PDB file of all heavy atoms in Angstrom:
ATOM      1  N   GLN A   1     -60.178 -25.366 -20.891  1.00  0.00           N
ATOM      2  CA  GLN A   1     -58.726 -25.231 -20.984  1.00  0.00           C
ATOM      3  C   GLN A   1     -58.257 -24.186 -19.980  1.00  0.00           C
ATOM      4  O   GLN A   1     -58.805 -23.077 -19.924  1.00  0.00           O
ATOM      5  CB  GLN A   1     -58.341 -24.809 -22.407  1.00  0.00           C
ATOM      6  CG  GLN A   1     -56.842 -24.675 -22.587  1.00  0.00           C
ATOM      7  CD  GLN A   1     -56.460 -24.362 -24.014  1.00  0.00           C
ATOM      8  OE1 GLN A   1     -55.404 -24.741 -24.458  1.00  0.00           O
ATOM      9  NE2 GLN A   1     -57.317 -23.687 -24.752  1.00  0.00           N
ATOM     10  N   PRO A   2     -57.276 -24.514 -19.144  1.00  0.00           N
ATOM     11  CA  PRO A   2     -56.881 -23.588 -18.084  1.00  0.00           C
ATOM     12  C   PRO A   2     -56.170 -22.359 -18.644  1.00  0.00           C
ATOM     13  O   PRO A   2     -55.579 -22.393 -19.720  1.00  0.00           O
ATOM     14  CB  PRO A   2     -55.930 -24.424 -17.230  1.00  0.00           C
ATOM     15  CG  PRO A   2     -55.369 -25.434 -18.170  1.00  0.00           C
ATOM     16  CD  PRO A   2     -56.492 -25.762 -19.122  1.00  0.00           C
ATOM     17  N   VAL A   3     -56.236 -21.296 -17.871  1.00  0.00           N
ATOM     18  CA  VAL A   3     -55.493 -20.077 -18.179  1.00  0.00           C
ATOM     19  C   VAL A   3     -54.100 -20.231 -17.580  1.00  0.00           C
ATOM     20  O   VAL A   3     -53.946 -20.621 -16.417  1.00  0.00           O
ATOM     21  CB  VAL A   3     -56.195 -18.846 -17.589  1.00  0.00           C
ATOM     22  CG1 VAL A   3     -55.330 -17.605 -17.751  1.00  0.00           C
ATOM     23  CG2 VAL A   3     -57.544 -18.635 -18.244  1.00  0.00           C
ATOM     24  N   ARG A   4     -53.073 -19.962 -18.396  1.00  0.00           N
ATOM     25  CA  ARG A   4     -51.696 -20.093 -17.937  1.00  0.00           C
ATOM     26  C   ARG A   4     -51.168 -18.726 -17.498  1.00  0.00           C
ATOM     27  O   ARG A   4     -51.386 -17.722 -18.184  1.00  0.00           O
ATOM     28  CB  ARG A   4     -50.815 -20.648 -19.063  1.00  0.00           C
ATOM     29  CG  ARG A   4     -51.285 -21.981 -19.622  1.00  0.00           C
ATOM     30  CD  ARG A   4     -51.123 -23.094 -18.620  1.00  0.00           C
ATOM     31  NE  ARG A   4     -51.522 -24.380 -19.190  1.00  0.00           N
ATOM     32  CZ  ARG A   4     -51.424 -25.528 -18.537  1.00  0.00           C
ATOM     33  NH1 ARG A   4     -50.964 -25.562 -17.313  1.00  0.00           N
ATOM     34  NH2 ARG A   4     -51.805 -26.661 -19.124  1.00  0.00           N
ATOM     35  N   LEU A   5     -50.485 -18.730 -16.371  1.00  0.00           N
ATOM     36  CA  LEU A   5     -49.926 -17.507 -15.827  1.00  0.00           C
ATOM     37  C   LEU A   5     -48.445 -17.426 -16.178  1.00  0.00           C
ATOM     38  O   LEU A   5     -47.683 -18.350 -15.895  1.00  0.00           O
ATOM     39  CB  LEU A   5     -50.103 -17.477 -14.311  1.00  0.00           C
ATOM     40  CG  LEU A   5     -49.630 -16.233 -13.569  1.00  0.00           C
ATOM     41  CD1 LEU A   5     -50.459 -15.030 -13.968  1.00  0.00           C
ATOM     42  CD2 LEU A   5     -49.715 -16.461 -12.068  1.00  0.00           C
ATOM     43  N   VAL A   6     -48.038 -16.333 -16.798  1.00  0.00           N
ATOM     44  CA  VAL A   6     -46.632 -16.109 -17.131  1.00  0.00           C
ATOM     45  C   VAL A   6     -46.016 -15.273 -16.019  1.00  0.00           C
ATOM     46  O   VAL A   6     -46.470 -14.164 -15.742  1.00  0.00           O
ATOM     47  CB  VAL A   6     -46.485 -15.392 -18.485  1.00  0.00           C
ATOM     48  CG1 VAL A   6     -45.013 -15.126 -18.785  1.00  0.00           C
ATOM     49  CG2 VAL A   6     -47.113 -16.218 -19.591  1.00  0.00           C
ATOM     50  N   GLU A   7     -44.992 -15.821 -15.371  1.00  0.00           N
ATOM     51  CA  GLU A   7     -44.387 -15.129 -14.234  1.00  0.00           C
ATOM     52  C   GLU A   7     -42.962 -14.669 -14.516  1.00  0.00           C
ATOM     53  O   GLU A   7     -42.542 -13.626 -14.047  1.00  0.00           O
ATOM     54  CB  GLU A   7     -44.385 -16.054 -13.010  1.00  0.00           C
ATOM     55  CG  GLU A   7     -45.785 -16.435 -12.537  1.00  0.00           C
ATOM     56  CD  GLU A   7     -45.742 -17.439 -11.398  1.00  0.00           C
ATOM     57  OE1 GLU A   7     -45.251 -18.557 -11.645  1.00  0.00           O
ATOM     58  OE2 GLU A   7     -46.169 -17.094 -10.299  1.00  0.00           O
ATOM     59  N   ASN A   8     -42.209 -15.481 -15.271  1.00  0.00           N
ATOM     60  CA  ASN A   8     -40.809 -15.155 -15.551  1.00  0.00           C
ATOM     61  C   ASN A   8     -40.596 -14.972 -17.049  1.00  0.00           C
ATOM     62  O   ASN A   8     -41.176 -15.703 -17.856  1.00  0.00           O
ATOM     63  CB  ASN A   8     -39.885 -16.263 -15.038  1.00  0.00           C
ATOM     64  CG  ASN A   8     -39.979 -16.423 -13.531  1.00  0.00           C
ATOM     65  OD1 ASN A   8     -39.925 -15.450 -12.794  1.00  0.00           O
ATOM     66  ND2 ASN A   8     -40.150 -17.662 -13.067  1.00  0.00           N
ATOM     67  N   VAL A   9     -39.788 -13.992 -17.400  1.00  0.00           N
ATOM     68  CA  VAL A   9     -39.468 -13.722 -18.797  1.00  0.00           C
ATOM     69  C   VAL A   9     -37.951 -13.516 -18.906  1.00  0.00           C
ATOM     70  O   VAL A   9     -37.249 -13.387 -17.890  1.00  0.00           O
ATOM     71  CB  VAL A   9     -40.211 -12.479 -19.323  1.00  0.00           C
ATOM     72  CG1 VAL A   9     -41.712 -12.689 -19.293  1.00  0.00           C
ATOM     73  CG2 VAL A   9     -39.831 -11.240 -18.514  1.00  0.00           C
ATOM     74  N   GLN A  10     -37.458 -13.470 -20.145  1.00  0.00           N
ATOM     75  CA  GLN A  10     -36.049 -13.187 -20.393  1.00  0.00           C
ATOM     76  C   GLN A  10     -35.927 -11.878 -21.155  1.00  0.00           C
ATOM     77  O   GLN A  10     -36.691 -11.622 -22.092  1.00  0.00           O
ATOM     78  CB  GLN A  10     -35.403 -14.310 -21.214  1.00  0.00           C
ATOM     79  CG  GLN A  10     -35.232 -15.612 -20.466  1.00  0.00           C
ATOM     80  CD  GLN A  10     -34.548 -16.662 -21.312  1.00  0.00           C
ATOM     81  OE1 GLN A  10     -34.763 -16.724 -22.531  1.00  0.00           O
ATOM     82  NE2 GLN A  10     -33.730 -17.499 -20.696  1.00  0.00           N
ATOM     83  N   ARG A  11     -34.966 -11.061 -20.746  1.00  0.00           N
ATOM     84  CA  ARG A  11     -34.659  -9.869 -21.523  1.00  0.00           C
ATOM     85  C   ARG A  11     -33.575 -10.244 -22.539  1.00  0.00           C
ATOM     86  O   ARG A  11     -32.516 -10.768 -22.172  1.00  0.00           O
ATOM     87  CB  ARG A  11     -34.159  -8.732 -20.640  1.00  0.00           C
ATOM     88  CG  ARG A  11     -33.823  -7.494 -21.472  1.00  0.00           C
ATOM     89  CD  ARG A  11     -33.259  -6.357 -20.658  1.00  0.00           C
ATOM     90  NE  ARG A  11     -32.980  -5.209 -21.522  1.00  0.00           N
ATOM     91  CZ  ARG A  11     -32.423  -4.083 -21.112  1.00  0.00           C
ATOM     92  NH1 ARG A  11     -32.081  -3.944 -19.838  1.00  0.00           N
ATOM     93  NH2 ARG A  11     -32.202  -3.093 -21.954  1.00  0.00           N
ATOM     94  N   LEU A  12     -33.879  -9.981 -23.810  1.00  0.00           N
ATOM     95  CA  LEU A  12     -32.926 -10.291 -24.875  1.00  0.00           C
ATOM     96  C   LEU A  12     -31.981  -9.120 -25.040  1.00  0.00           C
ATOM     97  O   LEU A  12     -32.398  -8.005 -25.383  1.00  0.00           O
ATOM     98  CB  LEU A  12     -33.661 -10.574 -26.183  1.00  0.00           C
ATOM     99  CG  LEU A  12     -34.694 -11.724 -26.127  1.00  0.00           C
ATOM    100  CD1 LEU A  12     -35.312 -11.943 -27.501  1.00  0.00           C
ATOM    101  CD2 LEU A  12     -34.065 -13.008 -25.606  1.00  0.00           C
ATOM    102  N   VAL A  13     -30.703  -9.378 -24.794  1.00  0.00           N
ATOM    103  CA  VAL A  13     -29.685  -8.340 -24.872  1.00  0.00           C
ATOM    104  C   VAL A  13     -28.838  -8.594 -26.114  1.00  0.00           C
ATOM    105  O   VAL A  13     -28.226  -9.664 -26.241  1.00  0.00           O
ATOM    106  CB  VAL A  13     -28.790  -8.341 -23.621  1.00  0.00           C
ATOM    107  CG1 VAL A  13     -27.734  -7.249 -23.722  1.00  0.00           C
ATOM    108  CG2 VAL A  13     -29.629  -8.192 -22.364  1.00  0.00           C
ATOM    109  N   PRO A  14     -28.809  -7.638 -27.062  1.00  0.00           N
ATOM    110  CA  PRO A  14     -28.002  -7.849 -28.278  1.00  0.00           C
ATOM    111  C   PRO A  14     -26.541  -8.140 -27.934  1.00  0.00           C
ATOM    112  O   PRO A  14     -25.890  -7.376 -27.216  1.00  0.00           O
ATOM    113  CB  PRO A  14     -28.146  -6.529 -29.043  1.00  0.00           C
ATOM    114  CG  PRO A  14     -29.406  -5.929 -28.521  1.00  0.00           C
ATOM    115  CD  PRO A  14     -29.508  -6.348 -27.091  1.00  0.00           C
ATOM    116  N   GLY A  15     -26.057  -9.265 -28.455  1.00  0.00           N
ATOM    117  CA  GLY A  15     -24.649  -9.619 -28.249  1.00  0.00           C
ATOM    118  C   GLY A  15     -24.343 -10.082 -26.843  1.00  0.00           C
ATOM    119  O   GLY A  15     -23.170 -10.165 -26.465  1.00  0.00           O
ATOM    120  N   GLY A  16     -25.335 -10.372 -26.045  1.00  0.00           N
ATOM    121  CA  GLY A  16     -25.082 -10.812 -24.676  1.00  0.00           C
ATOM    122  C   GLY A  16     -26.010 -11.932 -24.266  1.00  0.00           C
ATOM    123  O   GLY A  16     -26.873 -12.364 -25.036  1.00  0.00           O
ATOM    124  N   GLN A  17     -25.856 -12.394 -23.030  1.00  0.00           N
ATOM    125  CA  GLN A  17     -26.686 -13.463 -22.513  1.00  0.00           C
ATOM    126  C   GLN A  17     -28.051 -12.920 -22.068  1.00  0.00           C
ATOM    127  O   GLN A  17     -28.123 -11.824 -21.503  1.00  0.00           O
ATOM    128  CB  GLN A  17     -25.997 -14.139 -21.324  1.00  0.00           C
ATOM    129  CG  GLN A  17     -24.746 -14.928 -21.691  1.00  0.00           C
ATOM    130  CD  GLN A  17     -25.071 -16.118 -22.569  1.00  0.00           C
ATOM    131  OE1 GLN A  17     -26.090 -16.784 -22.404  1.00  0.00           O
ATOM    132  NE2 GLN A  17     -24.199 -16.364 -23.547  1.00  0.00           N
ATOM    133  N   PRO A  18     -29.124 -13.662 -22.340  1.00  0.00           N
ATOM    134  CA  PRO A  18     -30.445 -13.225 -21.868  1.00  0.00           C
ATOM    135  C   PRO A  18     -30.453 -13.086 -20.342  1.00  0.00           C
ATOM    136  O   PRO A  18     -29.803 -13.853 -19.628  1.00  0.00           O
ATOM    137  CB  PRO A  18     -31.379 -14.342 -22.333  1.00  0.00           C
ATOM    138  CG  PRO A  18     -30.646 -15.016 -23.455  1.00  0.00           C
ATOM    139  CD  PRO A  18     -29.191 -14.926 -23.104  1.00  0.00           C
ATOM    140  N   GLN A  19     -31.215 -12.109 -19.873  1.00  0.00           N
ATOM    141  CA  GLN A  19     -31.347 -11.871 -18.437  1.00  0.00           C
ATOM    142  C   GLN A  19     -32.720 -12.345 -17.965  1.00  0.00           C
ATOM    143  O   GLN A  19     -33.737 -11.992 -18.556  1.00  0.00           O
ATOM    144  CB  GLN A  19     -31.192 -10.380 -18.128  1.00  0.00           C
ATOM    145  CG  GLN A  19     -29.857  -9.791 -18.511  1.00  0.00           C
ATOM    146  CD  GLN A  19     -29.819  -8.286 -18.289  1.00  0.00           C
ATOM    147  OE1 GLN A  19     -30.818  -7.670 -17.914  1.00  0.00           O
ATOM    148  NE2 GLN A  19     -28.652  -7.696 -18.517  1.00  0.00           N
ATOM    149  N   LEU A  20     -32.727 -13.158 -16.907  1.00  0.00           N
ATOM    150  CA  LEU A  20     -33.991 -13.660 -16.366  1.00  0.00           C
ATOM    151  C   LEU A  20     -34.636 -12.568 -15.502  1.00  0.00           C
ATOM    152  O   LEU A  20     -34.004 -12.017 -14.603  1.00  0.00           O
ATOM    153  CB  LEU A  20     -33.742 -14.918 -15.529  1.00  0.00           C
ATOM    154  CG  LEU A  20     -35.001 -15.613 -14.991  1.00  0.00           C
ATOM    155  CD1 LEU A  20     -35.852 -16.135 -16.153  1.00  0.00           C
ATOM    156  CD2 LEU A  20     -34.624 -16.757 -14.048  1.00  0.00           C
ATOM    157  N   LEU A  21     -35.909 -12.264 -15.782  1.00  0.00           N
ATOM    158  CA  LEU A  21     -36.646 -11.230 -15.048  1.00  0.00           C
ATOM    159  C   LEU A  21     -37.949 -11.804 -14.516  1.00  0.00           C
ATOM    160  O   LEU A  21     -38.519 -12.734 -15.088  1.00  0.00           O
ATOM    161  CB  LEU A  21     -36.947 -10.032 -15.955  1.00  0.00           C
ATOM    162  CG  LEU A  21     -35.750  -9.326 -16.590  1.00  0.00           C
ATOM    163  CD1 LEU A  21     -36.246  -8.255 -17.561  1.00  0.00           C
ATOM    164  CD2 LEU A  21     -34.859  -8.702 -15.531  1.00  0.00           C
ATOM    165  N   HIS A  22     -38.424 -11.236 -13.440  1.00  0.00           N
ATOM    166  CA  HIS A  22     -39.704 -11.645 -12.846  1.00  0.00           C
ATOM    167  C   HIS A  22     -40.692 -10.487 -12.990  1.00  0.00           C
ATOM    168  O   HIS A  22     -40.366  -9.337 -12.686  1.00  0.00           O
ATOM    169  CB  HIS A  22     -39.519 -11.996 -11.365  1.00  0.00           C
ATOM    170  CG  HIS A  22     -40.750 -12.564 -10.728  1.00  0.00           C
ATOM    171  ND1 HIS A  22     -41.133 -13.880 -10.903  1.00  0.00           N
ATOM    172  CD2 HIS A  22     -41.683 -12.001  -9.932  1.00  0.00           C
ATOM    173  CE1 HIS A  22     -42.247 -14.092 -10.232  1.00  0.00           C
ATOM    174  NE2 HIS A  22     -42.602 -12.967  -9.633  1.00  0.00           N
ATOM    175  N   LEU A  23     -41.871 -10.772 -13.484  1.00  0.00           N
ATOM    176  CA  LEU A  23     -42.891  -9.731 -13.667  1.00  0.00           C
ATOM    177  C   LEU A  23     -43.397  -9.243 -12.312  1.00  0.00           C
ATOM    178  O   LEU A  23     -43.504 -10.032 -11.378  1.00  0.00           O
ATOM    179  CB  LEU A  23     -44.048 -10.278 -14.501  1.00  0.00           C
ATOM    180  CG  LEU A  23     -43.726 -10.596 -15.957  1.00  0.00           C
ATOM    181  CD1 LEU A  23     -44.941 -11.227 -16.631  1.00  0.00           C
ATOM    182  CD2 LEU A  23     -43.310  -9.352 -16.716  1.00  0.00           C
ATOM    183  N   PRO A  24     -43.755  -7.970 -12.194  1.00  0.00           N
ATOM    184  CA  PRO A  24     -43.742  -6.939 -13.230  1.00  0.00           C
ATOM    185  C   PRO A  24     -42.335  -6.433 -13.530  1.00  0.00           C
ATOM    186  O   PRO A  24     -41.447  -6.497 -12.679  1.00  0.00           O
ATOM    187  CB  PRO A  24     -44.606  -5.831 -12.636  1.00  0.00           C
ATOM    188  CG  PRO A  24     -44.437  -5.983 -11.162  1.00  0.00           C
ATOM    189  CD  PRO A  24     -44.301  -7.453 -10.912  1.00  0.00           C
ATOM    190  N   VAL A  25     -42.163  -5.919 -14.761  1.00  0.00           N
ATOM    191  CA  VAL A  25     -40.873  -5.443 -15.234  1.00  0.00           C
ATOM    192  C   VAL A  25     -40.973  -3.950 -15.513  1.00  0.00           C
ATOM    193  O   VAL A  25     -41.914  -3.500 -16.187  1.00  0.00           O
ATOM    194  CB  VAL A  25     -40.447  -6.197 -16.509  1.00  0.00           C
ATOM    195  CG1 VAL A  25     -39.214  -5.546 -17.122  1.00  0.00           C
ATOM    196  CG2 VAL A  25     -40.161  -7.660 -16.200  1.00  0.00           C
TER     197      VAL A  25
END
């Protein structure tokens, strides 16, 4: 089973829209 690489994440902002971020953060 291949190893999956996580490159992009979302910052969860209370009461606002998630912000797309690229690792490293």
